[in-house]
Amino acid sequence: MRIRSRWAERITVGNLVLVACGLLVAWLVLVPVAALFYVAFTEQTIYGPGDFTIDNFVEAYGHLNILRLFGNSLIYAFGSSLLAFVLGALIAWVVERTDAPLRGFFHNLAIVSFAVPGLLMAMSWTLVMSPNIGWANALLQDWFGLTKAPFNVYTMTGMIWVLGSHSFPLAYMLMGPAFRVLDIRMEEAAVVAGANNYQLASRVTFPLLRPAMLSTLMLLFIRGIESFDVPRIIGMPARIPVFTTEIQDATSSVPPELGTAASLSMTLLVVCLLSIFFYRRATADADAYATVGAKGYIATPVRLGKWRWPIGGGTLLLFSVMLGLPLFTLFWQSFFHNAAAPSIARLATANWDNYRYLFTYPVFREAAFDSISLGAMGASIVCLLMFVIAWISQRSRMRFSWLIDALAFTPIAIPSVIVGASVLFAYLILPIPVYDTIWILLIAYVTLFMPYGMRFASGGLAQISRELEEVAEISGANLLQTFRRVLLPLLAPVLIACWLYVFVLCVRELAASIFLAGATTHVLGTVSLTLWEGGGSLGAVCALGVVEVIPLVIIVAVMRRLENAIRPH
């Protein structure tokens, strides 16, 4: 009787909700990964996966082209991650550690850059640096009498530049806090001890920043290895294949080579997991890098003196090239049908035809509705689900709460291409009718962006004292009432910021969408790609990009205001 009453006490609505959320997270993460392994090691038949086989790996890796594929992917990922890290770290240093002018403006520009989808940036840079239609090349050839275009975006260097100059906001957001809490007294002590600038950087500053630097480089490398938009827009015409484009080609071939695609996906998965493993080994002794202690710290900005305005101007010039140039090109081209170099003389022929065409294009209206719907549903599910998971991780006494927490963070190590392919494999096998519907896209988006929701929810919950929940419990509130009347009101600003952040990520997502969008489902990313590759009007694609970017930029601006409002002062 005691055992029965004990179980009756545990089986409450609140506990059932916690268990259901934990099982849902496990389903979202483990089912696609299991399907990936299952498809990779089974024979493909007209009836679906068949007997166990390793033929898929022989087909995927049994030719010399795999060496070129592996080399291209690594060079592209390493090059773009290093470029993004240097750019982001330099801007973070200017904003957080110096007295350069316009620092707040630079911070806002870096965050705005995050809102621009990578697909649109890749398209814009082709209109700038293409040897055939690039207006910057044409302008430089006219000015200097050159017989050959000085820039060619259709190279590995061009691919690295396009991704690196678009990925730097991630490096900025990760390195900024590290610079902010770096206690300048440690550097001053080294100077007093006789250290020169090189010794100061190599023995004090860089070692203290080591965890932040390694984590930033790791995430940038994963972003590079999983990148799909730049290889699709620039790499495929340049005949520079990488793993992501080969995986997508295998799934879209006739008939689809799902086993080959799954086998190729294994390499990306292993590379990402290995990068996280080496990062954790390199930063195992985290306490050795702490700079903020119980006595506080001093974050005094570096006085630049006569270099204050030159460094500020150089940073502004950097933003003008990385962000201003492609966005200006996107906006300018949206008023012309064919490629048009910017000039005062051409203003007389500018028109709104592309925008009129766009708003009467049925597929665009469907894609906009689907993207907004998916963004709203995905952001809502991620926020509420991760709120519960964060509570389980930090507050509950469940024995395996750490495992649910780890599962929620796992997708950060899984490239979005693999998530898209794995979700596709899973729901082709399972008797759940979501294929070629908006729901399969929603499943992929929630899976992809759970770690970001967990970041917001965990940070917000950590700031709320457990005593408030204990008081509510003493007053007779059950678990659901505590959630609804105590925690949710206090966490509302954090959850709103999380909702806006995940909404932007969902709307700009392409890599997973390209696998899952079907004949009856369209999103803005796949429509943009179809218009671009279908030989249609360049102006219509750019008009679509402008219509997509403006709301996203506004949303990101609102998100930043909310985060500033809830940040402790």
Foldseek 3Di string as FASTA:
>chain_A
DVVVVVVVVCPDPVNVVLVVLLVVLCCLQVLLVVLLVQLQQFDQDPVGGDHGHNVLVCVQPVDPVVVLQVVLLQCQLLLLLVLLLVLLLLLLLLLQFAPFPPSVVLLLLLLLLLLFFLLLLLLLVCCCFDFPRRLVQVVVCVVPVDPGRPGHLLDSVNLSLSNNLSNNSLSNVLNNVLLNLAFCVQLVVVVVVPDDPVCSVVPPVCVLCVLSSLVSSLLSSLCSSLDDSNCVSRVVVSVRHYLLVVLLCQCPDVVRNLNNSSSSLVVSLVVLVVSVVVSCVVCVPVVVNDRADPVGGDSHHDYPPPCNHVSNVVSVVSSCVSPVSSLVSLVVLLQDQARDRDDPVCVVVGDNVLVVVQVVDVQNVQQAVLLLVLLQVLLVCLQVSLLSLLCLLPPDPDPCSVVSVCSLQVLSSRRLLSLLSSLVSSPVPDPDPCAQHSVSLSSSLNSNCNNLSNVLNNVQVVVDDPVQVVVCVVVPDDPVCCVVPPVCVSCVLSSLLSSLVSSSVSLSDDSSCSSGHDPNHHHLNVVLVCCVVVPGGPSNSSSSSVVSSVVSSVSSVVSVVSCVVPDDD
